[in-house]
């Protein structure tokens, strides 16, 4: 493959990050305990190492790995792993006693990778491993029709609703939704993008590199002529396949993407270094500067330590370059690493299992994927002990923050993209309701009669929501707050807003897949009933697809029970 890079001033000589120090056996054991790995490895054929990209004069040449598609020789027998997908395990959030811990703090999460992975598993009639199911990513996969902010001076609006839980009598759900304003296409900033593409041997499967090529081609067609795209590839080594090129030269960009082939090992860290180098060389202080990594996450050459990679990316984001991750394939997908990279790179993590998912992420939602309207968005909820006895945050386990992190502008948190909606659900036990924690011998119970003790409006509130955020180019946060009071409470589940009921169905489904510790008598049939009644307008069919996934889960559970 010949890729012209005339005029490039980028130094493409090999360079490496500092070598990772040897870890102790104790540390290795601790890290291993946090990762879920299943199955065994199968290699159908040993593949040759991909030739490194060389630089001659002012042009960069990216020699194709062996048997690249579209070139002589066709595809070699594909590399394939089975059951070596890696997910970080975590404990499900439990109920907290409001008298002891009234404040809950977390970073928002707009990633959707978990939902796509669950879908890919269930479409094969296989229940996903519980560690792969992140409830907040399941819920936030869907668009919710929250009212947008009234003015652009505040990047998003807040929407709160309180209604009875459908799976536990005496409990209530608190839905907190935020909706970002949508940047008009004519007003959006210029994009300086670097596609960092894994072309190692593990990518030589139909649902990996070929799907990467189709996905990125879709994205290129969504960009404006004033945007620029560069391409870095990595296998046994890394190099520049395309120097920063205006999208006005779209055919040149697409030709490089379409001629990529796969083969060799995976020098992912060196690819990341070179991608950041290109992005910084073409940095637009007023635009969006982003590296988009497309990979199955299998880094096995150079720096492979997750902590060291995270540290490098944290340093780079301070220069104004963000990192987003597109995951592909099953069998050796390293979700644990992909999540760590995206979270520390101020970007999003998506999992692309089909062409339709690529279209959703990179065409229909291109604005929210590429253009942030707020960064370091944190939510803090303080519950009123006069009204609420216990609470638990449903999901967001990997996004928990300390109470004092909320007001600390140095603490990193999630971003919200153009037009994006974010939803969080709490389950609460009102004072006088059925407690999940036993009483304390030495802590006096709070008794509220409501008849003899007049209460102020503040005492009548269930709680108070605070949201802290920064504008994309600012390092100083701003605050939005709203009470959870009687004006947002609904007497029955059926009377709750339709989107709140649908989000509840998705959350309940995720909780069932994770083991159903707290969702009482809820069944897959209950989820189907709730979701069907709250489906509403479904332009792209995503909510109808969800109903089919629930049916698939019922079938997969039956097969698992029969040992098939």
Protein backbone atom coordinates (compact mmCIF):
# COMPACT_ATOMS: atom_id res chain seq x y z
CA UNK A 1 0.00 0.00 0.00
CA UNK A 2 1.36 3.40 -1.00
CA UNK A 3 0.13 6.35 1.04
CA UNK A 4 1.33 9.81 0.00
CA UNK A 5 2.29 12.06 2.90
CA UNK A 6 3.89 14.95 1.02
CA UNK A 7 4.48 18.02 3.10
CA UNK A 8 4.50 16.15 6.39
CA UNK A 9 6.80 17.54 9.04
CA UNK A 10 6.15 14.67 11.41
CA UNK A 11 9.08 12.68 12.75
CA UNK A 12 8.13 9.02 12.34
CA UNK A 13 11.28 7.46 13.77
CA UNK A 14 10.63 4.73 16.26
CA UNK A 15 10.26 5.90 19.82
CA UNK A 16 9.00 4.18 22.92
CA UNK A 17 7.46 5.07 26.23
CA UNK A 18 9.52 4.43 29.37
CA UNK A 19 9.77 0.71 30.07
CA UNK A 20 7.46 -0.62 32.73
CA UNK A 21 9.09 -1.74 35.95
CA UNK A 22 8.80 -5.39 36.90
CA UNK A 23 5.85 -5.91 39.17
CA UNK A 24 5.93 -8.05 42.26
CA UNK A 25 4.07 -11.34 42.36
CA UNK A 26 1.74 -9.84 44.94
CA UNK A 27 0.82 -6.95 42.64
CA UNK A 28 0.31 -9.31 39.72
CA UNK A 29 -2.06 -11.39 41.83
CA UNK A 30 -4.00 -8.30 42.88
CA UNK A 31 -4.36 -7.13 39.28
CA UNK A 32 -5.36 -10.59 38.08
CA UNK A 33 -8.08 -10.81 40.70
CA UNK A 34 -9.70 -7.75 39.18
CA UNK A 35 -9.88 -9.15 35.64
CA UNK A 36 -12.35 -11.73 34.38
CA UNK A 37 -10.88 -13.96 31.66
CA UNK A 38 -12.70 -16.99 30.33
CA UNK A 39 -11.95 -19.84 27.94
CA UNK A 40 -8.79 -20.86 26.16
CA UNK A 41 -6.76 -19.56 23.26
CA UNK A 42 -6.96 -21.03 19.76
CA UNK A 43 -4.62 -19.96 16.96
CA UNK A 44 -5.52 -21.31 13.54
CA UNK A 45 -2.28 -20.31 11.87
CA UNK A 46 0.90 -18.45 12.77
CA UNK A 47 0.94 -15.20 10.85
CA UNK A 48 4.01 -13.29 9.74
CA UNK A 49 4.95 -10.02 11.39
CA UNK A 50 3.67 -6.96 9.56
CA UNK A 51 6.42 -4.93 7.89
CA UNK A 52 7.08 -1.58 9.60
CA UNK A 53 6.07 1.66 7.99
CA UNK A 54 9.09 3.41 6.53
CA UNK A 55 9.66 7.06 5.69
CA UNK A 56 11.43 8.01 2.45
CA UNK A 57 12.00 11.70 1.90
CA UNK A 58 8.78 13.52 2.64
CA UNK A 59 6.54 10.56 1.85
CA UNK A 60 5.42 7.84 4.25
CA UNK A 61 4.96 4.34 2.89
CA UNK A 62 2.83 1.85 4.80
CA UNK A 63 3.74 -1.58 3.37
CA UNK A 64 0.73 -3.88 3.71
CA UNK A 65 0.84 -6.79 6.12
CA UNK A 66 0.74 -10.20 4.41
CA UNK A 67 -2.44 -11.14 2.57
CA UNK A 68 -4.04 -7.72 2.89
CA UNK A 69 -7.59 -7.53 1.51
CA UNK A 70 -7.79 -6.00 -1.92
CA UNK A 71 -4.18 -6.88 -2.70
CA UNK A 72 -2.65 -9.96 -4.25
CA UNK A 73 -3.01 -13.08 -2.16
CA UNK A 74 -6.40 -12.29 -0.54
CA UNK A 75 -7.06 -13.16 3.09
CA UNK A 76 -4.97 -15.72 4.94
CA UNK A 77 -6.75 -18.16 7.24
CA UNK A 78 -7.94 -15.94 10.10
CA UNK A 79 -6.41 -15.72 13.53
CA UNK A 80 -8.99 -16.48 16.21
CA UNK A 81 -9.13 -16.53 20.00
CA UNK A 82 -11.98 -17.96 22.00
CA UNK A 83 -13.13 -16.92 25.44
CA UNK A 84 -10.19 -14.65 26.27
CA UNK A 85 -12.25 -11.47 26.53
CA UNK A 86 -11.22 -9.40 29.56
CA UNK A 87 -13.56 -7.37 31.75
CA UNK A 88 -12.89 -5.65 35.07
CA UNK A 89 -14.99 -7.23 37.80
CA UNK A 90 -16.78 -5.00 40.31
CA UNK A 91 -19.18 -5.35 43.20
CA UNK A 92 -22.76 -4.20 42.66
CA UNK A 93 -23.77 -1.05 44.54
CA UNK A 94 -25.57 -1.84 47.78
CA UNK A 95 -28.03 0.16 49.88
CA UNK A 96 -26.65 2.94 52.09
CA UNK A 97 -28.25 4.20 55.27
CA UNK A 98 -28.98 7.90 54.81
CA UNK A 99 -28.25 8.79 58.45
CA UNK A 100 -24.73 7.39 58.03
CA UNK A 101 -23.94 8.35 54.42
CA UNK A 102 -26.42 10.89 53.02
CA UNK A 103 -24.30 11.95 50.03
CA UNK A 104 -23.68 10.00 46.81
CA UNK A 105 -21.13 11.22 44.23
CA UNK A 106 -20.24 9.84 40.81
CA UNK A 107 -18.92 10.75 37.38
CA UNK A 108 -21.38 10.64 34.50
CA UNK A 109 -20.90 7.94 31.86
CA UNK A 110 -21.99 8.23 28.22
CA UNK A 111 -20.26 5.06 26.99
CA UNK A 112 -22.37 2.41 25.28
CA UNK A 113 -19.86 -0.42 24.81
CA UNK A 114 -21.54 -2.71 27.34
CA UNK A 115 -24.90 -2.68 25.55
CA UNK A 116 -23.37 -3.61 22.18
CA UNK A 117 -21.35 -6.40 23.78
CA UNK A 118 -24.42 -7.79 25.53
CA UNK A 119 -26.29 -7.71 22.22
CA UNK A 120 -23.48 -9.51 20.40
CA UNK A 121 -23.48 -12.23 23.08
CA UNK A 122 -27.24 -12.68 23.18
CA UNK A 123 -27.46 -12.81 19.39
CA UNK A 124 -25.32 -15.95 19.71
CA UNK A 125 -27.69 -17.32 22.39
CA UNK A 126 -25.01 -16.87 25.05
CA UNK A 127 -25.58 -15.01 28.30
CA UNK A 128 -22.87 -12.36 28.80
CA UNK A 129 -20.54 -12.69 31.76
CA UNK A 130 -21.82 -10.43 34.61
CA UNK A 131 -18.66 -8.31 34.58
CA UNK A 132 -19.48 -7.28 30.99
CA UNK A 133 -22.82 -5.78 32.02
CA UNK A 134 -22.58 -2.16 33.14
CA UNK A 135 -26.11 -1.01 33.90
CA UNK A 136 -25.51 2.69 33.19
CA UNK A 137 -24.15 1.91 29.71
CA UNK A 138 -27.19 -0.25 28.98
CA UNK A 139 -29.53 2.57 30.02
CA UNK A 140 -27.60 5.31 28.24
CA UNK A 141 -27.52 3.43 24.94
CA UNK A 142 -30.95 4.89 24.24
CA UNK A 143 -32.05 8.41 23.40
CA UNK A 144 -34.45 9.99 25.90
CA UNK A 145 -36.68 12.91 25.04
CA UNK A 146 -35.66 15.28 27.82
CA UNK A 147 -36.32 18.98 27.33
CA UNK A 148 -33.16 20.68 26.01
CA UNK A 149 -31.60 23.62 27.88
CA UNK A 150 -33.35 26.94 27.37
CA UNK A 151 -30.15 28.79 26.46
CA UNK A 152 -26.66 27.86 25.33
CA UNK A 153 -25.22 29.68 28.36
CA UNK A 154 -25.89 26.47 30.28
CA UNK A 155 -24.80 23.35 28.35
CA UNK A 156 -27.53 21.01 29.57
CA UNK A 157 -30.87 20.78 31.36
CA UNK A 158 -31.81 18.63 34.36
CA UNK A 159 -34.88 16.38 34.51
CA UNK A 160 -35.92 14.59 37.73
CA UNK A 161 -38.78 12.15 38.37
CA UNK A 162 -39.74 10.03 41.41
CA UNK A 163 -42.11 7.04 41.11
CA UNK A 164 -42.81 3.66 42.77
CA UNK A 165 -40.42 0.79 42.03
CA UNK A 166 -42.00 -1.91 39.82
CA UNK A 167 -40.06 -4.71 41.52
CA UNK A 168 -40.17 -3.92 45.25
CA UNK A 169 -43.27 -2.77 47.14
CA UNK A 170 -42.56 0.21 49.36
CA UNK A 171 -39.49 1.42 47.43
CA UNK A 172 -39.24 4.29 44.97
CA UNK A 173 -37.03 5.10 41.98
CA UNK A 174 -35.44 8.50 41.43
CA UNK A 175 -34.62 9.20 37.78
CA UNK A 176 -32.08 11.97 37.09
CA UNK A 177 -31.70 12.91 33.44
CA UNK A 178 -29.57 15.55 31.77
CA UNK A 179 -29.79 16.69 28.16
CA UNK A 180 -27.00 18.52 26.35
CA UNK A 181 -27.65 21.23 23.79
CA UNK A 182 -27.00 20.25 20.19
CA UNK A 183 -24.33 22.15 18.29
CA UNK A 184 -25.53 23.08 14.83
CA UNK A 185 -23.44 21.61 12.04
CA UNK A 186 -22.60 25.06 10.67
CA UNK A 187 -21.41 26.19 14.11
CA UNK A 188 -19.41 23.20 15.23
CA UNK A 189 -15.64 23.55 15.61
CA UNK A 190 -13.10 22.16 13.17
CA UNK A 191 -12.06 18.56 13.85
CA UNK A 192 -8.44 17.44 13.87
CA UNK A 193 -8.69 13.64 13.97
CA UNK A 194 -6.12 10.87 14.01
CA UNK A 195 -7.37 7.36 13.29
CA UNK A 196 -5.21 4.89 15.21
CA UNK A 197 -5.91 1.50 13.63
CA UNK A 198 -4.85 -1.89 14.95
CA UNK A 199 -3.62 -3.94 11.96
CA UNK A 200 -2.17 -6.82 13.98
CA UNK A 201 -2.91 -10.46 13.21
CA UNK A 202 -5.73 -10.64 15.75
CA UNK A 203 -7.66 -8.12 13.63
CA UNK A 204 -7.82 -10.48 10.66
CA UNK A 205 -11.45 -11.49 11.08
CA UNK A 206 -14.57 -10.27 9.24
CA UNK A 207 -15.95 -8.50 12.33
CA UNK A 208 -12.67 -6.72 13.05
CA UNK A 209 -10.50 -4.93 10.45
CA UNK A 210 -13.06 -5.09 7.59
CA UNK A 211 -15.68 -3.65 9.96
CA UNK A 212 -13.17 -1.01 11.11
CA UNK A 213 -12.69 0.03 7.48
CA UNK A 214 -16.42 0.37 6.85
CA UNK A 215 -16.95 2.21 10.13
CA UNK A 216 -14.22 4.80 9.61
CA UNK A 217 -15.27 5.31 6.00
CA UNK A 218 -18.75 6.21 7.28
CA UNK A 219 -17.22 8.71 9.69
CA UNK A 220 -15.09 10.33 6.97
CA UNK A 221 -18.24 10.90 4.93
CA UNK A 222 -19.77 12.77 7.89
CA UNK A 223 -16.87 15.22 8.21
CA UNK A 224 -16.57 18.67 6.64
CA UNK A 225 -13.94 19.72 4.13
CA UNK A 226 -12.26 21.93 6.74
CA UNK A 227 -11.63 18.91 9.01
CA UNK A 228 -8.41 16.92 8.80
CA UNK A 229 -7.70 13.20 9.16
CA UNK A 230 -4.42 11.39 9.77
CA UNK A 231 -3.94 7.63 10.03
CA UNK A 232 -1.49 5.69 12.17
CA UNK A 233 -1.38 1.89 12.01
CA UNK A 234 0.30 -0.54 14.35
CA UNK A 235 1.12 -4.24 14.33
CA UNK A 236 4.60 -5.49 15.22
CA UNK A 237 5.65 -1.84 14.87
CA UNK A 238 3.81 1.43 14.27
CA UNK A 239 3.96 4.12 11.63
CA UNK A 240 2.13 6.85 9.79
CA UNK A 241 0.01 5.62 6.92
CA UNK A 242 -1.42 9.08 6.18
CA UNK A 243 -0.15 12.47 7.32
CA UNK A 244 -2.78 15.05 8.37
CA UNK A 245 -4.93 15.46 5.26
CA UNK A 246 -7.91 17.79 4.66
CA UNK A 247 -11.20 15.98 4.21
CA UNK A 248 -11.47 17.89 0.93
CA UNK A 249 -9.15 15.09 -0.26
CA UNK A 250 -11.65 12.47 0.84
CA UNK A 251 -10.74 9.94 -1.86
CA UNK A 252 -7.13 9.89 -0.69
CA UNK A 253 -8.21 9.20 2.90
CA UNK A 254 -10.64 6.46 1.89
CA UNK A 255 -8.06 4.79 -0.36
CA UNK A 256 -5.65 4.42 2.58
CA UNK A 257 -8.41 3.01 4.82
CA UNK A 258 -9.59 0.55 2.19
CA UNK A 259 -6.11 -0.84 1.47
CA UNK A 260 -5.25 -1.78 5.05
CA UNK A 261 -4.48 -5.40 5.89
CA UNK A 262 -3.77 -7.31 9.09
CA UNK A 263 -0.84 -9.38 10.32
CA UNK A 264 1.72 -9.52 13.12
CA UNK A 265 1.83 -8.74 16.84
CA UNK A 266 0.43 -5.67 18.58
CA UNK A 267 2.62 -2.67 19.45
CA UNK A 268 -0.32 -0.61 20.69
CA UNK A 269 1.58 1.72 23.01
CA UNK A 270 3.91 2.90 20.25
CA UNK A 271 0.89 3.45 18.01
CA UNK A 272 -0.70 5.61 20.72
CA UNK A 273 2.50 7.66 21.05
CA UNK A 274 2.71 8.33 17.32
CA UNK A 275 -1.00 9.17 17.08
CA UNK A 276 -0.74 11.77 19.82
CA UNK A 277 2.38 13.17 18.15
CA UNK A 278 0.47 13.70 14.90
CA UNK A 279 -2.54 15.23 16.66
CA UNK A 280 -0.36 17.67 18.58
CA UNK A 281 1.60 18.64 15.45
CA UNK A 282 -1.70 19.66 13.84
CA UNK A 283 -3.33 21.01 17.04
CA UNK A 284 -6.16 23.49 16.61
CA UNK A 285 -6.57 25.41 19.91
CA UNK A 286 -10.13 26.39 18.98
CA UNK A 287 -11.12 23.04 17.47
CA UNK A 288 -11.62 19.44 18.54
CA UNK A 289 -8.42 17.41 18.64
CA UNK A 290 -9.04 13.71 19.04
CA UNK A 291 -7.36 10.33 18.57
CA UNK A 292 -9.83 7.57 17.64
CA UNK A 293 -8.46 4.13 18.48
CA UNK A 294 -9.98 1.16 16.61
CA UNK A 295 -8.85 -2.17 18.08
CA UNK A 296 -9.75 -5.41 19.83
CA UNK A 297 -7.55 -4.22 22.69
CA UNK A 298 -4.88 -6.91 22.37
CA UNK A 299 -1.64 -5.05 23.25
CA UNK A 300 1.22 -7.55 23.46
CA UNK A 301 4.34 -5.64 22.34
CA UNK A 302 5.99 -2.73 24.19
CA UNK A 303 4.16 -1.12 27.09
CA UNK A 304 1.28 -3.38 28.09
CA UNK A 305 0.89 -2.27 31.72
CA UNK A 306 -2.55 -0.68 32.10
CA UNK A 307 -1.43 1.77 34.77
CA UNK A 308 1.50 3.06 32.72
CA UNK A 309 -0.65 3.55 29.63
CA UNK A 310 -3.24 5.42 31.69
CA UNK A 311 -0.57 7.74 33.08
CA UNK A 312 0.71 8.57 29.60
CA UNK A 313 -2.79 9.35 28.31
CA UNK A 314 -3.57 11.53 31.33
CA UNK A 315 -0.52 13.64 30.55
CA UNK A 316 -1.48 13.93 26.90
CA UNK A 317 -5.07 15.03 27.55
CA UNK A 318 -3.73 18.07 29.41
CA UNK A 319 -2.33 19.21 26.06
CA UNK A 320 -5.83 19.36 24.56
CA UNK A 321 -5.93 16.01 22.72
CA UNK A 322 -8.65 13.54 23.74
CA UNK A 323 -8.85 9.80 23.10
CA UNK A 324 -11.94 7.79 22.10
CA UNK A 325 -12.04 4.03 21.65
CA UNK A 326 -13.94 1.86 19.17
CA UNK A 327 -13.79 -1.82 20.12
CA UNK A 328 -14.22 -4.68 17.67
CA UNK A 329 -14.51 -8.46 17.69
CA UNK A 330 -15.02 -11.19 20.26
CA UNK A 331 -12.70 -13.86 21.58
CA UNK A 332 -9.80 -11.72 22.82
CA UNK A 333 -11.44 -8.33 23.34
CA UNK A 334 -9.75 -6.41 26.17
CA UNK A 335 -12.61 -4.32 27.50
CA UNK A 336 -10.75 -3.64 30.75
CA UNK A 337 -7.96 -1.82 28.91
CA UNK A 338 -10.32 -0.03 26.52
CA UNK A 339 -12.37 1.38 29.40
CA UNK A 340 -9.26 2.59 31.19
CA UNK A 341 -7.90 4.32 28.09
CA UNK A 342 -11.16 6.06 27.19
CA UNK A 343 -11.93 7.20 30.74
CA UNK A 344 -8.48 8.68 31.23
CA UNK A 345 -8.38 10.16 27.73
CA UNK A 346 -11.54 12.30 28.16
CA UNK A 347 -13.26 10.26 25.49
CA UNK A 348 -15.95 7.67 24.98
CA UNK A 349 -15.79 3.90 24.56
CA UNK A 350 -18.09 2.21 22.05
CA UNK A 351 -18.19 -1.39 20.89
CA UNK A 352 -18.96 -1.91 17.19
CA UNK A 353 -20.44 -5.34 16.52
CA UNK A 354 -22.35 -4.60 13.30
CA UNK A 355 -22.47 -2.12 10.42
CA UNK A 356 -25.72 -0.84 11.93
CA UNK A 357 -23.94 -0.04 15.20
CA UNK A 358 -21.20 1.76 13.27
CA UNK A 359 -23.89 3.85 11.58
CA UNK A 360 -25.52 4.68 14.93
CA UNK A 361 -22.25 5.69 16.61
CA UNK A 362 -20.45 7.41 13.75
CA UNK A 363 -23.25 8.75 11.56
CA UNK A 364 -26.48 9.26 13.53
CA UNK A 365 -24.60 10.27 16.70
CA UNK A 366 -21.45 11.70 15.11
CA UNK A 367 -21.92 15.04 16.83
CA UNK A 368 -22.10 13.57 20.33
CA UNK A 369 -19.25 11.16 19.56
CA UNK A 370 -16.86 13.87 18.36
CA UNK A 371 -17.87 17.22 19.83
CA UNK A 372 -18.01 17.68 23.63
CA UNK A 373 -20.11 20.47 25.11
CA UNK A 374 -18.99 19.86 28.71
CA UNK A 375 -16.22 17.92 30.42
CA UNK A 376 -15.53 16.59 33.91
CA UNK A 377 -19.26 16.30 34.63
CA UNK A 378 -20.01 15.05 38.14
CA UNK A 379 -23.30 14.41 39.94
CA UNK A 380 -23.78 14.61 43.68
CA UNK A 381 -27.07 13.75 45.41
CA UNK A 382 -27.74 14.49 49.07
CA UNK A 383 -30.69 12.57 50.49
CA UNK A 384 -32.88 13.98 53.25
CA UNK A 385 -32.88 11.67 56.32
CA UNK A 386 -36.35 12.97 57.27
CA UNK A 387 -37.76 11.53 54.05
CA UNK A 388 -35.39 8.76 52.88
CA UNK A 389 -34.07 5.90 55.02
CA UNK A 390 -31.91 4.10 52.45
CA UNK A 391 -30.72 4.49 48.87
CA UNK A 392 -28.60 2.76 46.26
CA UNK A 393 -27.26 4.05 42.95
CA UNK A 394 -28.16 1.61 40.18
CA UNK A 395 -24.98 1.11 38.16
CA UNK A 396 -22.04 3.54 37.84
CA UNK A 397 -19.90 1.25 40.03
CA UNK A 398 -16.77 2.03 38.00
CA UNK A 399 -17.53 5.77 38.12
CA UNK A 400 -17.83 6.28 41.87
CA UNK A 401 -16.15 9.36 43.36
CA UNK A 402 -15.35 10.45 46.89
CA UNK A 403 -17.54 13.13 48.40
CA UNK A 404 -14.75 15.71 48.35
CA UNK A 405 -13.96 14.95 44.69
CA UNK A 406 -17.10 16.82 43.68
CA UNK A 407 -15.71 20.29 44.45
CA UNK A 408 -12.15 19.46 43.41
CA UNK A 409 -11.61 20.73 39.87
CA UNK A 410 -8.46 18.62 39.53
CA UNK A 411 -10.49 15.39 39.64
CA UNK A 412 -11.28 13.99 36.20
CA UNK A 413 -14.81 12.91 35.27
CA UNK A 414 -16.91 12.14 32.19
CA UNK A 415 -17.80 14.30 29.20
CA UNK A 416 -21.12 15.12 27.55
CA UNK A 417 -21.29 15.42 23.77
CA UNK A 418 -23.46 17.55 21.53
CA UNK A 419 -27.14 16.66 21.96
CA UNK A 420 -26.36 13.77 24.29
CA UNK A 421 -28.63 12.61 27.13
CA UNK A 422 -27.44 10.95 30.33
CA UNK A 423 -29.63 9.04 32.79
CA UNK A 424 -29.04 7.83 36.34
CA UNK A 425 -31.41 5.88 38.58
CA UNK A 426 -31.48 5.62 42.36
CA UNK A 427 -33.61 3.16 44.30
CA UNK A 428 -34.72 4.60 47.65
CA UNK A 429 -36.57 3.34 50.71
CA UNK A 430 -38.73 6.12 52.18
CA UNK A 431 -38.78 6.59 55.94
CA UNK A 432 -41.19 3.98 57.28
CA UNK A 433 -40.62 1.67 54.29
CA UNK A 434 -39.17 -1.87 54.26
CA UNK A 435 -35.49 -1.51 55.21
CA UNK A 436 -32.74 -3.65 53.69
CA UNK A 437 -30.33 -2.95 56.57
CA UNK A 438 -31.07 -3.90 60.16
CA UNK A 439 -31.46 -1.18 62.75
CA UNK A 440 -28.62 0.02 64.96
CA UNK A 441 -28.75 -0.49 68.74
CA UNK A 442 -27.20 2.90 69.51
CA UNK A 443 -28.53 5.12 66.72
CA UNK A 444 -31.92 6.66 67.41
CA UNK A 445 -34.52 6.07 64.75
CA UNK A 446 -35.97 9.12 63.02
CA UNK A 447 -39.74 9.15 63.38
CA UNK A 448 -41.73 11.57 61.23
CA UNK A 449 -45.46 11.72 61.83
CA UNK A 450 -46.23 14.55 59.44
CA UNK A 451 -49.19 15.51 61.65
CA UNK A 452 -47.83 17.17 64.76
CA UNK A 453 -44.49 18.43 63.39
CA UNK A 454 -44.80 21.12 60.73
CA UNK A 455 -42.03 20.76 58.16
CA UNK A 456 -40.40 23.34 55.90
CA UNK A 457 -40.20 22.84 52.11
CA UNK A 458 -36.59 21.70 52.56
CA UNK A 459 -37.69 19.04 55.05
CA UNK A 460 -40.29 17.80 52.57
CA UNK A 461 -37.66 17.21 49.87
CA UNK A 462 -36.38 13.71 49.22
CA UNK A 463 -33.01 15.13 48.32
CA UNK A 464 -31.00 17.68 46.40
CA UNK A 465 -29.15 17.18 43.10
CA UNK A 466 -25.97 19.08 42.24
CA UNK A 467 -24.17 18.83 38.89
CA UNK A 468 -20.71 20.25 38.39
CA UNK A 469 -19.16 20.65 34.93
CA UNK A 470 -16.52 22.51 32.92
CA UNK A 471 -16.86 23.97 29.47
CA UNK A 472 -14.60 22.15 26.94
CA UNK A 473 -11.85 24.80 26.95
CA UNK A 474 -12.10 25.74 30.64
CA UNK A 475 -10.40 24.41 33.77
CA UNK A 476 -12.90 25.97 36.18
CA UNK A 477 -16.15 24.20 36.97
CA UNK A 478 -19.67 25.58 37.17
CA UNK A 479 -22.60 24.35 39.27
CA UNK A 480 -26.23 23.45 38.51
CA UNK A 481 -28.58 22.34 41.29
CA UNK A 482 -32.19 21.24 41.65
CA UNK A 483 -34.32 19.84 44.51
CA UNK A 484 -36.10 16.46 44.48
CA UNK A 485 -39.44 17.63 45.80
CA UNK A 486 -43.14 16.87 45.58
CA UNK A 487 -43.45 18.52 42.15
CA UNK A 488 -41.58 15.64 40.49
CA UNK A 489 -43.27 12.75 42.30
CA UNK A 490 -45.75 10.38 40.62
CA UNK A 491 -48.28 8.32 42.53
CA UNK A 492 -47.96 5.17 40.40
CA UNK A 493 -45.40 3.56 38.14
CA UNK A 494 -47.82 3.71 35.21
CA UNK A 495 -48.16 7.49 35.69
CA UNK A 496 -44.40 8.06 35.49
CA UNK A 497 -42.93 9.59 32.30
CA UNK A 498 -42.66 7.09 29.44
CA UNK A 499 -38.89 7.49 29.08
CA UNK A 500 -38.46 6.92 32.83
CA UNK A 501 -40.39 3.65 32.57
CA UNK A 502 -38.37 2.48 29.58
CA UNK A 503 -35.08 3.32 31.33
CA UNK A 504 -36.35 1.34 34.33
CA UNK A 505 -37.01 -1.68 32.10
CA UNK A 506 -33.48 -1.52 30.68
CA UNK A 507 -31.94 -1.14 34.14
CA UNK A 508 -34.00 -4.06 35.42
CA UNK A 509 -32.84 -6.19 32.50
CA UNK A 510 -29.22 -5.34 33.21
CA UNK A 511 -29.68 -6.18 36.88
CA UNK A 512 -31.15 -9.58 35.94
CA UNK A 513 -28.14 -10.30 33.73
CA UNK A 514 -25.87 -9.41 36.65
CA UNK A 515 -27.67 -11.74 39.06
CA UNK A 516 -30.68 -9.76 40.27
CA UNK A 517 -29.53 -9.18 43.84
CA UNK A 518 -31.86 -6.27 44.56
CA UNK A 519 -34.65 -6.34 41.97
CA UNK A 520 -36.95 -8.63 43.94
CA UNK A 521 -39.50 -10.56 41.92
CA UNK A 522 -38.68 -8.93 38.57
CA UNK A 523 -38.59 -11.39 35.65
CA UNK A 524 -37.71 -11.16 31.96
CA UNK A 525 -41.44 -11.21 31.23
CA UNK A 526 -41.90 -8.18 33.49
CA UNK A 527 -39.14 -6.38 31.60
CA UNK A 528 -40.85 -7.17 28.29
CA UNK A 529 -44.19 -5.89 29.60
CA UNK A 530 -42.74 -2.62 30.94
CA UNK A 531 -40.56 -1.94 27.88
CA UNK A 532 -43.35 -2.70 25.40
CA UNK A 533 -45.73 -0.32 27.16
CA UNK A 534 -43.10 2.45 27.26
CA UNK A 535 -41.52 1.93 23.82
CA UNK A 536 -43.01 5.07 22.27
CA UNK A 537 -41.65 6.49 18.99
CA UNK A 538 -38.85 4.25 17.74
CA UNK A 539 -37.47 5.82 14.57
CA UNK A 540 -34.44 3.55 14.23
CA UNK A 541 -35.91 0.44 15.86
CA UNK A 542 -33.48 0.35 18.78
CA UNK A 543 -36.21 -0.11 21.39
CA UNK A 544 -37.84 -2.89 19.39
CA UNK A 545 -34.43 -4.54 19.14
CA UNK A 546 -34.17 -4.34 22.92
CA UNK A 547 -37.38 -6.35 23.28
CA UNK A 548 -35.85 -9.06 21.09
CA UNK A 549 -32.70 -9.11 23.22
CA UNK A 550 -34.82 -9.75 26.32
CA UNK A 551 -36.43 -12.69 24.51
CA UNK A 552 -32.98 -13.92 23.51
CA UNK A 553 -31.89 -13.75 27.14
CA UNK A 554 -34.86 -15.90 28.18
CA UNK A 555 -33.82 -18.49 25.58
CA UNK A 556 -30.14 -18.35 26.50
CA UNK A 557 -30.99 -18.82 30.18
CA UNK A 558 -33.05 -21.88 29.34
CA UNK A 559 -30.18 -23.34 27.29
CA UNK A 560 -27.74 -22.62 30.11
CA UNK A 561 -30.05 -24.38 32.60
CA UNK A 562 -30.11 -27.43 30.34
CA UNK A 563 -26.31 -27.38 30.10
CA UNK A 564 -26.31 -26.77 26.33
